[in-house]
């Protein structure tokens, strides 16, 4: 099964994860999630695969999080809605492997995840 990498090319950590995948011969689908935003359902599916909550993937330090009144919020539904409407609020890189998913931050997480 192919791995999917939710990727932002401006993110150094995402670039390191991509390089690790390349160096270790993993086939993967690269999804630049800012250009091809995931739906709310897709985000919820990734969260379920990783046994995560929306706050686990939420970039709360983004100015937009503050503008939306979500910085420090624990309202999981509101955060999920915000990430679906504004993918810049999704933390990265996210590696999806079949029925598993993990936020690979720091980049070394990818090695233990796919080992």
PDB file of N, CA and C in Angstrom:
ATOM      1  N   UNK A   1       0.843  -1.179   0.000  1.00  0.00           N
ATOM      2  CA  UNK A   1       0.000   0.000   0.000  1.00  0.00           C
ATOM      3  C   UNK A   1       0.886   1.238   0.000  1.00  0.00           C
ATOM      4  N   UNK A   2       0.453   2.257  -0.691  1.00  0.00           N
ATOM      5  CA  UNK A   2       1.219   3.485  -0.809  1.00  0.00           C
ATOM      6  C   UNK A   2       0.982   4.402   0.385  1.00  0.00           C
ATOM      7  N   UNK A   3       2.011   5.087   0.745  1.00  0.00           N
ATOM      8  CA  UNK A   3       1.977   6.088   1.808  1.00  0.00           C
ATOM      9  C   UNK A   3       1.546   7.413   1.184  1.00  0.00           C
ATOM     10  N   UNK A   4       0.821   8.214   1.947  1.00  0.00           N
ATOM     11  CA  UNK A   4       0.465   9.562   1.524  1.00  0.00           C
ATOM     12  C   UNK A   4       1.111  10.536   2.491  1.00  0.00           C
ATOM     13  N   UNK A   5       1.699  11.577   1.935  1.00  0.00           N
ATOM     14  CA  UNK A   5       2.338  12.612   2.733  1.00  0.00           C
ATOM     15  C   UNK A   5       1.608  13.924   2.502  1.00  0.00           C
ATOM     16  N   UNK A   6       0.969  14.437   3.565  1.00  0.00           N
ATOM     17  CA  UNK A   6       0.383  15.782   3.502  1.00  0.00           C
ATOM     18  C   UNK A   6       1.535  16.740   3.733  1.00  0.00           C
ATOM     19  N   UNK A   7       1.780  17.586   2.735  1.00  0.00           N
ATOM     20  CA  UNK A   7       3.059  18.266   2.584  1.00  0.00           C
ATOM     21  C   UNK A   7       2.868  19.741   2.306  1.00  0.00           C
ATOM     22  N   UNK A   8       3.751  20.538   2.884  1.00  0.00           N
ATOM     23  CA  UNK A   8       3.867  21.951   2.559  1.00  0.00           C
ATOM     24  C   UNK A   8       5.334  22.183   2.199  1.00  0.00           C
ATOM     25  N   UNK A   9       5.637  22.551   0.954  1.00  0.00           N
ATOM     26  CA  UNK A   9       7.029  22.683   0.539  1.00  0.00           C
ATOM     27  C   UNK A   9       7.796  23.774   1.276  1.00  0.00           C
ATOM     28  N   UNK A  10       7.102  24.676   1.933  1.00  0.00           N
ATOM     29  CA  UNK A  10       7.767  25.743   2.681  1.00  0.00           C
ATOM     30  C   UNK A  10       8.191  25.298   4.077  1.00  0.00           C
ATOM     31  N   UNK A  11       7.785  24.095   4.467  1.00  0.00           N
ATOM     32  CA  UNK A  11       8.062  23.572   5.808  1.00  0.00           C
ATOM     33  C   UNK A  11       9.318  22.699   5.791  1.00  0.00           C
ATOM     34  N   UNK A  12      10.320  23.077   6.564  1.00  0.00           N
ATOM     35  CA  UNK A  12      11.556  22.311   6.626  1.00  0.00           C
ATOM     36  C   UNK A  12      11.346  20.904   7.150  1.00  0.00           C
ATOM     37  N   UNK A  13      10.480  20.741   8.131  1.00  0.00           N
ATOM     38  CA  UNK A  13      10.202  19.408   8.679  1.00  0.00           C
ATOM     39  C   UNK A  13       9.556  18.524   7.617  1.00  0.00           C
ATOM     40  N   UNK A  14       8.632  19.082   6.860  1.00  0.00           N
ATOM     41  CA  UNK A  14       7.986  18.318   5.787  1.00  0.00           C
ATOM     42  C   UNK A  14       9.011  17.913   4.728  1.00  0.00           C
ATOM     43  N   UNK A  15       9.923  18.815   4.408  1.00  0.00           N
ATOM     44  CA  UNK A  15      10.963  18.477   3.424  1.00  0.00           C
ATOM     45  C   UNK A  15      11.869  17.360   3.942  1.00  0.00           C
ATOM     46  N   UNK A  16      12.169  17.370   5.234  1.00  0.00           N
ATOM     47  CA  UNK A  16      12.996  16.300   5.816  1.00  0.00           C
ATOM     48  C   UNK A  16      12.278  14.959   5.756  1.00  0.00           C
ATOM     49  N   UNK A  17      10.989  14.947   6.037  1.00  0.00           N
ATOM     50  CA  UNK A  17      10.220  13.696   5.962  1.00  0.00           C
ATOM     51  C   UNK A  17      10.190  13.190   4.526  1.00  0.00           C
ATOM     52  N   UNK A  18       9.969  14.087   3.590  1.00  0.00           N
ATOM     53  CA  UNK A  18       9.973  13.683   2.174  1.00  0.00           C
ATOM     54  C   UNK A  18      11.333  13.091   1.796  1.00  0.00           C
ATOM     55  N   UNK A  19      12.403  13.719   2.240  1.00  0.00           N
ATOM     56  CA  UNK A  19      13.744  13.225   1.932  1.00  0.00           C
ATOM     57  C   UNK A  19      13.958  11.837   2.542  1.00  0.00           C
ATOM     58  N   UNK A  20      13.469  11.625   3.767  1.00  0.00           N
ATOM     59  CA  UNK A  20      13.602  10.312   4.399  1.00  0.00           C
ATOM     60  C   UNK A  20      12.856   9.263   3.586  1.00  0.00           C
ATOM     61  N   UNK A  21      11.647   9.591   3.137  1.00  0.00           N
ATOM     62  CA  UNK A  21      10.882   8.652   2.310  1.00  0.00           C
ATOM     63  C   UNK A  21      11.643   8.315   1.035  1.00  0.00           C
ATOM     64  N   UNK A  22      12.199   9.348   0.391  1.00  0.00           N
ATOM     65  CA  UNK A  22      12.982   9.126  -0.833  1.00  0.00           C
ATOM     66  C   UNK A  22      14.206   8.255  -0.555  1.00  0.00           C
ATOM     67  N   UNK A  23      14.942   8.613   0.490  1.00  0.00           N
ATOM     68  CA  UNK A  23      16.180   7.900   0.814  1.00  0.00           C
ATOM     69  C   UNK A  23      15.948   6.442   1.192  1.00  0.00           C
ATOM     70  N   UNK A  24      14.762   6.143   1.705  1.00  0.00           N
ATOM     71  CA  UNK A  24      14.474   4.794   2.172  1.00  0.00           C
ATOM     72  C   UNK A  24      13.579   4.001   1.223  1.00  0.00           C
ATOM     73  N   UNK A  25      13.415   4.514   0.018  1.00  0.00           N
ATOM     74  CA  UNK A  25      12.733   3.771  -1.028  1.00  0.00           C
ATOM     75  C   UNK A  25      11.235   3.590  -0.849  1.00  0.00           C
ATOM     76  N   UNK A  26      10.603   4.462  -0.080  1.00  0.00           N
ATOM     77  CA  UNK A  26       9.156   4.366   0.105  1.00  0.00           C
ATOM     78  C   UNK A  26       8.425   5.022  -1.060  1.00  0.00           C
ATOM     79  N   UNK A  27       7.471   4.297  -1.607  1.00  0.00           N
ATOM     80  CA  UNK A  27       6.581   4.903  -2.591  1.00  0.00           C
ATOM     81  C   UNK A  27       5.561   5.719  -1.820  1.00  0.00           C
ATOM     82  N   UNK A  28       5.255   6.894  -2.338  1.00  0.00           N
ATOM     83  CA  UNK A  28       4.294   7.735  -1.631  1.00  0.00           C
ATOM     84  C   UNK A  28       3.611   8.676  -2.600  1.00  0.00           C
ATOM     85  N   UNK A  29       2.452   9.121  -2.163  1.00  0.00           N
ATOM     86  CA  UNK A  29       1.696  10.142  -2.869  1.00  0.00           C
ATOM     87  C   UNK A  29       1.928  11.436  -2.113  1.00  0.00           C
ATOM     88  N   UNK A  30       2.363  12.442  -2.817  1.00  0.00           N
ATOM     89  CA  UNK A  30       2.613  13.742  -2.215  1.00  0.00           C
ATOM     90  C   UNK A  30       1.375  14.608  -2.391  1.00  0.00           C
ATOM     91  N   UNK A  31       0.828  15.058  -1.289  1.00  0.00           N
ATOM     92  CA  UNK A  31      -0.360  15.908  -1.357  1.00  0.00           C
ATOM     93  C   UNK A  31      -0.029  17.254  -0.735  1.00  0.00           C
ATOM     94  N   UNK A  32       0.070  18.251  -1.588  1.00  0.00           N
ATOM     95  CA  UNK A  32       0.265  19.611  -1.093  1.00  0.00           C
ATOM     96  C   UNK A  32      -1.094  20.107  -0.630  1.00  0.00           C
ATOM     97  N   UNK A  33      -1.344  19.928   0.648  1.00  0.00           N
ATOM     98  CA  UNK A  33      -2.691  20.127   1.178  1.00  0.00           C
ATOM     99  C   UNK A  33      -3.162  21.581   1.132  1.00  0.00           C
ATOM    100  N   UNK A  34      -2.247  22.532   0.937  1.00  0.00           N
ATOM    101  CA  UNK A  34      -2.692  23.917   0.773  1.00  0.00           C
ATOM    102  C   UNK A  34      -3.251  24.142  -0.634  1.00  0.00           C
ATOM    103  N   UNK A  35      -2.759  23.381  -1.610  1.00  0.00           N
ATOM    104  CA  UNK A  35      -3.257  23.475  -2.987  1.00  0.00           C
ATOM    105  C   UNK A  35      -4.440  22.545  -3.221  1.00  0.00           C
ATOM    106  N   UNK A  36      -4.460  21.431  -2.503  1.00  0.00           N
ATOM    107  CA  UNK A  36      -5.520  20.423  -2.614  1.00  0.00           C
ATOM    108  C   UNK A  36      -6.061  20.136  -1.215  1.00  0.00           C
ATOM    109  N   UNK A  37      -6.854  21.063  -0.687  1.00  0.00           N
ATOM    110  CA  UNK A  37      -7.291  20.948   0.711  1.00  0.00           C
ATOM    111  C   UNK A  37      -8.140  19.700   0.969  1.00  0.00           C
ATOM    112  N   UNK A  38      -7.892  19.070   2.099  1.00  0.00           N
ATOM    113  CA  UNK A  38      -8.727  17.933   2.478  1.00  0.00           C
ATOM    114  C   UNK A  38     -10.083  18.418   2.987  1.00  0.00           C
ATOM    115  N   UNK A  39     -11.080  17.594   2.801  1.00  0.00           N
ATOM    116  CA  UNK A  39     -12.406  17.910   3.325  1.00  0.00           C
ATOM    117  C   UNK A  39     -12.417  17.678   4.838  1.00  0.00           C
ATOM    118  N   UNK A  40     -13.470  18.147   5.450  1.00  0.00           N
ATOM    119  CA  UNK A  40     -13.652  17.913   6.889  1.00  0.00           C
ATOM    120  C   UNK A  40     -13.650  16.411   7.166  1.00  0.00           C
ATOM    121  N   UNK A  41     -14.310  15.645   6.308  1.00  0.00           N
ATOM    122  CA  UNK A  41     -14.384  14.202   6.483  1.00  0.00           C
ATOM    123  C   UNK A  41     -13.006  13.558   6.352  1.00  0.00           C
ATOM    124  N   UNK A  42     -12.202  14.035   5.409  1.00  0.00           N
ATOM    125  CA  UNK A  42     -10.849  13.489   5.259  1.00  0.00           C
ATOM    126  C   UNK A  42     -10.000  13.774   6.493  1.00  0.00           C
ATOM    127  N   UNK A  43     -10.094  14.999   7.000  1.00  0.00           N
ATOM    128  CA  UNK A  43      -9.334  15.344   8.199  1.00  0.00           C
ATOM    129  C   UNK A  43      -9.789  14.471   9.366  1.00  0.00           C
ATOM    130  N   UNK A  44     -11.095  14.324   9.526  1.00  0.00           N
ATOM    131  CA  UNK A  44     -11.632  13.483  10.596  1.00  0.00           C
ATOM    132  C   UNK A  44     -11.141  12.039  10.441  1.00  0.00           C
ATOM    133  N   UNK A  45     -11.060  11.549   9.212  1.00  0.00           N
ATOM    134  CA  UNK A  45     -10.563  10.201   8.968  1.00  0.00           C
ATOM    135  C   UNK A  45      -9.109  10.038   9.362  1.00  0.00           C
ATOM    136  N   UNK A  46      -8.297  11.030   9.049  1.00  0.00           N
ATOM    137  CA  UNK A  46      -6.882  10.991   9.436  1.00  0.00           C
ATOM    138  C   UNK A  46      -6.754  11.038  10.953  1.00  0.00           C
ATOM    139  N   UNK A  47      -7.547  11.866  11.578  1.00  0.00           N
ATOM    140  CA  UNK A  47      -7.522  11.938  13.039  1.00  0.00           C
ATOM    141  C   UNK A  47      -7.852  10.574  13.648  1.00  0.00           C
ATOM    142  N   UNK A  48      -8.873   9.913  13.111  1.00  0.00           N
ATOM    143  CA  UNK A  48      -9.261   8.600  13.621  1.00  0.00           C
ATOM    144  C   UNK A  48      -8.143   7.583  13.409  1.00  0.00           C
ATOM    145  N   UNK A  49      -7.509   7.619  12.251  1.00  0.00           N
ATOM    146  CA  UNK A  49      -6.424   6.678  11.962  1.00  0.00           C
ATOM    147  C   UNK A  49      -5.242   6.872  12.902  1.00  0.00           C
ATOM    148  N   UNK A  50      -5.055   8.086  13.364  1.00  0.00           N
ATOM    149  CA  UNK A  50      -3.938   8.370  14.257  1.00  0.00           C
ATOM    150  C   UNK A  50      -4.313   8.447  15.716  1.00  0.00           C
ATOM    151  N   UNK A  51      -5.582   8.120  16.026  1.00  0.00           N
ATOM    152  CA  UNK A  51      -6.075   8.220  17.392  1.00  0.00           C
ATOM    153  C   UNK A  51      -5.764   9.602  17.971  1.00  0.00           C
ATOM    154  N   UNK A  52      -6.085  10.627  17.162  1.00  0.00           N
ATOM    155  CA  UNK A  52      -5.802  12.013  17.519  1.00  0.00           C
ATOM    156  C   UNK A  52      -7.098  12.809  17.620  1.00  0.00           C
ATOM    157  N   UNK A  53      -6.990  13.943  18.273  1.00  0.00           N
ATOM    158  CA  UNK A  53      -8.056  14.922  18.348  1.00  0.00           C
ATOM    159  C   UNK A  53      -7.699  16.092  17.433  1.00  0.00           C
ATOM    160  N   UNK A  54      -8.672  16.892  17.017  1.00  0.00           N
ATOM    161  CA  UNK A  54      -8.357  18.050  16.178  1.00  0.00           C
ATOM    162  C   UNK A  54      -7.267  18.949  16.772  1.00  0.00           C
ATOM    163  N   UNK A  55      -7.265  19.122  18.076  1.00  0.00           N
ATOM    164  CA  UNK A  55      -6.230  19.961  18.689  1.00  0.00           C
ATOM    165  C   UNK A  55      -4.825  19.405  18.453  1.00  0.00           C
ATOM    166  N   UNK A  56      -4.699  18.107  18.194  1.00  0.00           N
ATOM    167  CA  UNK A  56      -3.388  17.508  17.942  1.00  0.00           C
ATOM    168  C   UNK A  56      -2.794  17.956  16.610  1.00  0.00           C
ATOM    169  N   UNK A  57      -3.636  18.347  15.668  1.00  0.00           N
ATOM    170  CA  UNK A  57      -3.162  18.779  14.345  1.00  0.00           C
ATOM    171  C   UNK A  57      -3.332  20.275  14.112  1.00  0.00           C
ATOM    172  N   UNK A  58      -3.802  20.986  15.094  1.00  0.00           N
ATOM    173  CA  UNK A  58      -4.157  22.393  14.935  1.00  0.00           C
ATOM    174  C   UNK A  58      -2.945  23.294  15.137  1.00  0.00           C
ATOM    175  N   UNK A  59      -2.700  24.150  14.174  1.00  0.00           N
ATOM    176  CA  UNK A  59      -1.614  25.136  14.264  1.00  0.00           C
ATOM    177  C   UNK A  59      -2.132  26.367  15.017  1.00  0.00           C
ATOM    178  N   UNK A  60      -2.160  26.262  16.310  1.00  0.00           N
ATOM    179  CA  UNK A  60      -2.757  27.309  17.142  1.00  0.00           C
ATOM    180  C   UNK A  60      -1.943  28.600  17.151  1.00  0.00           C
ATOM    181  N   UNK A  61      -0.690  28.545  16.727  1.00  0.00           N
ATOM    182  CA  UNK A  61       0.143  29.756  16.716  1.00  0.00           C
ATOM    183  C   UNK A  61      -0.068  30.615  15.468  1.00  0.00           C
ATOM    184  N   UNK A  62      -0.804  30.083  14.503  1.00  0.00           N
ATOM    185  CA  UNK A  62      -1.128  30.885  13.315  1.00  0.00           C
ATOM    186  C   UNK A  62      -1.972  32.081  13.731  1.00  0.00           C
ATOM    187  N   UNK A  63      -1.717  33.215  13.113  1.00  0.00           N
ATOM    188  CA  UNK A  63      -2.499  34.415  13.411  1.00  0.00           C
ATOM    189  C   UNK A  63      -3.989  34.167  13.181  1.00  0.00           C
ATOM    190  N   UNK A  64      -4.296  33.378  12.168  1.00  0.00           N
ATOM    191  CA  UNK A  64      -5.691  33.078  11.857  1.00  0.00           C
ATOM    192  C   UNK A  64      -6.392  32.372  13.018  1.00  0.00           C
ATOM    193  N   UNK A  65      -5.677  31.541  13.738  1.00  0.00           N
ATOM    194  CA  UNK A  65      -6.266  30.863  14.899  1.00  0.00           C
ATOM    195  C   UNK A  65      -6.723  31.894  15.927  1.00  0.00           C
ATOM    196  N   UNK A  66      -5.899  32.901  16.121  1.00  0.00           N
ATOM    197  CA  UNK A  66      -6.270  33.989  17.037  1.00  0.00           C
ATOM    198  C   UNK A  66      -7.455  34.770  16.477  1.00  0.00           C
ATOM    199  N   UNK A  67      -7.397  35.093  15.182  1.00  0.00           N
ATOM    200  CA  UNK A  67      -8.473  35.856  14.555  1.00  0.00           C
ATOM    201  C   UNK A  67      -9.819  35.135  14.670  1.00  0.00           C
ATOM    202  N   UNK A  68      -9.779  33.812  14.610  1.00  0.00           N
ATOM    203  CA  UNK A  68     -11.001  33.010  14.700  1.00  0.00           C
ATOM    204  C   UNK A  68     -11.421  32.737  16.145  1.00  0.00           C
ATOM    205  N   UNK A  69     -10.632  33.211  17.090  1.00  0.00           N
ATOM    206  CA  UNK A  69     -10.944  32.997  18.497  1.00  0.00           C
ATOM    207  C   UNK A  69     -10.710  31.569  18.951  1.00  0.00           C
ATOM    208  N   UNK A  70      -9.816  30.856  18.258  1.00  0.00           N
ATOM    209  CA  UNK A  70      -9.604  29.436  18.571  1.00  0.00           C
ATOM    210  C   UNK A  70      -8.278  29.153  19.275  1.00  0.00           C
ATOM    211  N   UNK A  71      -7.431  30.163  19.411  1.00  0.00           N
ATOM    212  CA  UNK A  71      -6.169  29.927  20.103  1.00  0.00           C
ATOM    213  C   UNK A  71      -6.480  29.565  21.551  1.00  0.00           C
ATOM    214  N   UNK A  72      -6.016  28.398  21.973  1.00  0.00           N
ATOM    215  CA  UNK A  72      -6.272  27.923  23.319  1.00  0.00           C
ATOM    216  C   UNK A  72      -7.609  27.218  23.485  1.00  0.00           C
ATOM    217  N   UNK A  73      -8.380  27.129  22.418  1.00  0.00           N
ATOM    218  CA  UNK A  73      -9.688  26.492  22.486  1.00  0.00           C
ATOM    219  C   UNK A  73      -9.554  24.971  22.563  1.00  0.00           C
ATOM    220  N   UNK A  74     -10.509  24.360  23.207  1.00  0.00           N
ATOM    221  CA  UNK A  74     -10.613  22.902  23.250  1.00  0.00           C
ATOM    222  C   UNK A  74     -11.868  22.436  22.519  1.00  0.00           C
ATOM    223  N   UNK A  75     -12.509  23.332  21.773  1.00  0.00           N
ATOM    224  CA  UNK A  75     -13.726  23.004  21.031  1.00  0.00           C
ATOM    225  C   UNK A  75     -13.329  22.224  19.778  1.00  0.00           C
ATOM    226  N   UNK A  76     -13.344  20.897  19.902  1.00  0.00           N
ATOM    227  CA  UNK A  76     -12.851  20.026  18.838  1.00  0.00           C
ATOM    228  C   UNK A  76     -13.619  20.207  17.527  1.00  0.00           C
ATOM    229  N   UNK A  77     -14.926  20.361  17.598  1.00  0.00           N
ATOM    230  CA  UNK A  77     -15.713  20.549  16.374  1.00  0.00           C
ATOM    231  C   UNK A  77     -15.379  21.867  15.693  1.00  0.00           C
ATOM    232  N   UNK A  78     -15.254  22.929  16.466  1.00  0.00           N
ATOM    233  CA  UNK A  78     -14.919  24.236  15.888  1.00  0.00           C
ATOM    234  C   UNK A  78     -13.531  24.209  15.266  1.00  0.00           C
ATOM    235  N   UNK A  79     -12.594  23.534  15.900  1.00  0.00           N
ATOM    236  CA  UNK A  79     -11.235  23.441  15.359  1.00  0.00           C
ATOM    237  C   UNK A  79     -11.236  22.617  14.080  1.00  0.00           C
ATOM    238  N   UNK A  80     -11.958  21.522  14.062  1.00  0.00           N
ATOM    239  CA  UNK A  80     -12.052  20.699  12.858  1.00  0.00           C
ATOM    240  C   UNK A  80     -12.679  21.494  11.713  1.00  0.00           C
ATOM    241  N   UNK A  81     -13.742  22.225  11.995  1.00  0.00           N
ATOM    242  CA  UNK A  81     -14.372  23.075  10.980  1.00  0.00           C
ATOM    243  C   UNK A  81     -13.380  24.115  10.458  1.00  0.00           C
ATOM    244  N   UNK A  82     -12.633  24.724  11.360  1.00  0.00           N
ATOM    245  CA  UNK A  82     -11.673  25.758  10.973  1.00  0.00           C
ATOM    246  C   UNK A  82     -10.561  25.185  10.093  1.00  0.00           C
ATOM    247  N   UNK A  83     -10.070  23.997  10.424  1.00  0.00           N
ATOM    248  CA  UNK A  83      -9.022  23.371   9.606  1.00  0.00           C
ATOM    249  C   UNK A  83      -9.546  23.028   8.216  1.00  0.00           C
ATOM    250  N   UNK A  84     -10.782  22.579   8.143  1.00  0.00           N
ATOM    251  CA  UNK A  84     -11.360  22.244   6.839  1.00  0.00           C
ATOM    252  C   UNK A  84     -11.551  23.502   5.988  1.00  0.00           C
ATOM    253  N   UNK A  85     -11.939  24.587   6.612  1.00  0.00           N
ATOM    254  CA  UNK A  85     -12.160  25.839   5.878  1.00  0.00           C
ATOM    255  C   UNK A  85     -10.858  26.578   5.590  1.00  0.00           C
ATOM    256  N   UNK A  86      -9.833  26.330   6.402  1.00  0.00           N
ATOM    257  CA  UNK A  86      -8.563  27.057   6.304  1.00  0.00           C
ATOM    258  C   UNK A  86      -7.412  26.070   6.497  1.00  0.00           C
ATOM    259  N   UNK A  87      -7.008  25.361   5.459  1.00  0.00           N
ATOM    260  CA  UNK A  87      -6.015  24.304   5.637  1.00  0.00           C
ATOM    261  C   UNK A  87      -4.666  24.785   6.178  1.00  0.00           C
ATOM    262  N   UNK A  88      -4.409  26.082   6.135  1.00  0.00           N
ATOM    263  CA  UNK A  88      -3.174  26.597   6.733  1.00  0.00           C
ATOM    264  C   UNK A  88      -3.123  26.289   8.226  1.00  0.00           C
ATOM    265  N   UNK A  89      -4.268  25.984   8.825  1.00  0.00           N
ATOM    266  CA  UNK A  89      -4.333  25.668  10.249  1.00  0.00           C
ATOM    267  C   UNK A  89      -4.013  24.208  10.561  1.00  0.00           C
ATOM    268  N   UNK A  90      -3.760  23.407   9.522  1.00  0.00           N
ATOM    269  CA  UNK A  90      -3.408  21.996   9.723  1.00  0.00           C
ATOM    270  C   UNK A  90      -1.892  21.886   9.893  1.00  0.00           C
ATOM    271  N   UNK A  91      -1.480  21.260  10.968  1.00  0.00           N
ATOM    272  CA  UNK A  91      -0.056  21.059  11.194  1.00  0.00           C
ATOM    273  C   UNK A  91       0.464  19.993  10.231  1.00  0.00           C
ATOM    274  N   UNK A  92       1.731  20.001   9.982  1.00  0.00           N
ATOM    275  CA  UNK A  92       2.340  19.084   9.035  1.00  0.00           C
ATOM    276  C   UNK A  92       3.762  18.782   9.472  1.00  0.00           C
ATOM    277  N   UNK A  93       4.297  17.758   8.858  1.00  0.00           N
ATOM    278  CA  UNK A  93       3.789  16.844   7.845  1.00  0.00           C
ATOM    279  C   UNK A  93       2.998  15.701   8.472  1.00  0.00           C
ATOM    280  N   UNK A  94       2.011  15.258   7.764  1.00  0.00           N
ATOM    281  CA  UNK A  94       1.206  14.120   8.198  1.00  0.00           C
ATOM    282  C   UNK A  94       1.488  12.973   7.243  1.00  0.00           C
ATOM    283  N   UNK A  95       1.817  11.824   7.801  1.00  0.00           N
ATOM    284  CA  UNK A  95       2.075  10.622   7.008  1.00  0.00           C
ATOM    285  C   UNK A  95       0.926   9.663   7.263  1.00  0.00           C
ATOM    286  N   UNK A  96       0.336   9.186   6.176  1.00  0.00           N
ATOM    287  CA  UNK A  96      -0.787   8.254   6.247  1.00  0.00           C
ATOM    288  C   UNK A  96      -0.347   6.957   5.582  1.00  0.00           C
ATOM    289  N   UNK A  97      -0.499   5.868   6.299  1.00  0.00           N
ATOM    290  CA  UNK A  97      -0.109   4.554   5.805  1.00  0.00           C
ATOM    291  C   UNK A  97      -1.260   3.594   6.062  1.00  0.00           C
ATOM    292  N   UNK A  98      -2.105   3.417   5.046  1.00  0.00           N
ATOM    293  CA  UNK A  98      -3.251   2.527   5.201  1.00  0.00           C
ATOM    294  C   UNK A  98      -4.209   3.018   6.263  1.00  0.00           C
ATOM    295  N   UNK A  99      -4.347   2.231   7.319  1.00  0.00           N
ATOM    296  CA  UNK A  99      -5.279   2.596   8.380  1.00  0.00           C
ATOM    297  C   UNK A  99      -4.585   3.266   9.563  1.00  0.00           C
ATOM    298  N   UNK A 100      -3.381   3.798   9.314  1.00  0.00           N
ATOM    299  CA  UNK A 100      -2.624   4.496  10.355  1.00  0.00           C
ATOM    300  C   UNK A 100      -2.224   5.877   9.852  1.00  0.00           C
ATOM    301  N   UNK A 101      -2.094   6.815  10.779  1.00  0.00           N
ATOM    302  CA  UNK A 101      -1.628   8.157  10.420  1.00  0.00           C
ATOM    303  C   UNK A 101      -0.863   8.736  11.599  1.00  0.00           C
ATOM    304  N   UNK A 102       0.102   9.602  11.267  1.00  0.00           N
ATOM    305  CA  UNK A 102       0.878  10.238  12.330  1.00  0.00           C
ATOM    306  C   UNK A 102       1.360  11.610  11.862  1.00  0.00           C
ATOM    307  N   UNK A 103       1.297  12.557  12.785  1.00  0.00           N
ATOM    308  CA  UNK A 103       1.954  13.839  12.587  1.00  0.00           C
ATOM    309  C   UNK A 103       3.432  13.580  12.837  1.00  0.00           C
ATOM    310  N   UNK A 104       4.245  13.777  11.840  1.00  0.00           N
ATOM    311  CA  UNK A 104       5.674  13.472  11.949  1.00  0.00           C
ATOM    312  C   UNK A 104       6.455  14.739  12.276  1.00  0.00           C
ATOM    313  N   UNK A 105       6.253  15.175  13.470  1.00  0.00           N
ATOM    314  CA  UNK A 105       6.890  16.363  14.007  1.00  0.00           C
ATOM    315  C   UNK A 105       7.421  15.998  15.368  1.00  0.00           C
ATOM    316  N   UNK A 106       8.703  15.838  15.544  1.00  0.00           N
ATOM    317  CA  UNK A 106       9.784  16.116  14.625  1.00  0.00           C
ATOM    318  C   UNK A 106       9.859  15.097  13.492  1.00  0.00           C
ATOM    319  N   UNK A 107      10.667  15.409  12.508  1.00  0.00           N
ATOM    320  CA  UNK A 107      10.768  14.575  11.301  1.00  0.00           C
ATOM    321  C   UNK A 107      11.185  13.143  11.623  1.00  0.00           C
ATOM    322  N   UNK A 108      11.907  12.935  12.699  1.00  0.00           N
ATOM    323  CA  UNK A 108      12.353  11.589  13.062  1.00  0.00           C
ATOM    324  C   UNK A 108      11.190  10.644  13.380  1.00  0.00           C
ATOM    325  N   UNK A 109      10.004  11.187  13.609  1.00  0.00           N
ATOM    326  CA  UNK A 109       8.820  10.354  13.871  1.00  0.00           C
ATOM    327  C   UNK A 109       8.514   9.412  12.692  1.00  0.00           C
ATOM    328  N   UNK A 110       8.845   9.839  11.481  1.00  0.00           N
ATOM    329  CA  UNK A 110       8.528   9.030  10.312  1.00  0.00           C
ATOM    330  C   UNK A 110       9.259   7.691  10.356  1.00  0.00           C
ATOM    331  N   UNK A 111      10.479   7.701  10.857  1.00  0.00           N
ATOM    332  CA  UNK A 111      11.266   6.468  10.898  1.00  0.00           C
ATOM    333  C   UNK A 111      10.630   5.430  11.805  1.00  0.00           C
ATOM    334  N   UNK A 112      10.222   5.822  12.996  1.00  0.00           N
ATOM    335  CA  UNK A 112       9.603   4.852  13.906  1.00  0.00           C
ATOM    336  C   UNK A 112       8.205   4.468  13.416  1.00  0.00           C
ATOM    337  N   UNK A 113       7.534   5.384  12.739  1.00  0.00           N
ATOM    338  CA  UNK A 113       6.202   5.102  12.231  1.00  0.00           C
ATOM    339  C   UNK A 113       6.226   4.068  11.115  1.00  0.00           C
ATOM    340  N   UNK A 114       7.160   4.198  10.199  1.00  0.00           N
ATOM    341  CA  UNK A 114       7.181   3.319   9.020  1.00  0.00           C
ATOM    342  C   UNK A 114       8.202   2.187   9.134  1.00  0.00           C
ATOM    343  N   UNK A 115       8.873   2.095  10.255  1.00  0.00           N
ATOM    344  CA  UNK A 115       9.896   1.046  10.424  1.00  0.00           C
ATOM    345  C   UNK A 115       9.260  -0.327  10.503  1.00  0.00           C
TER     346      UNK A 115
END
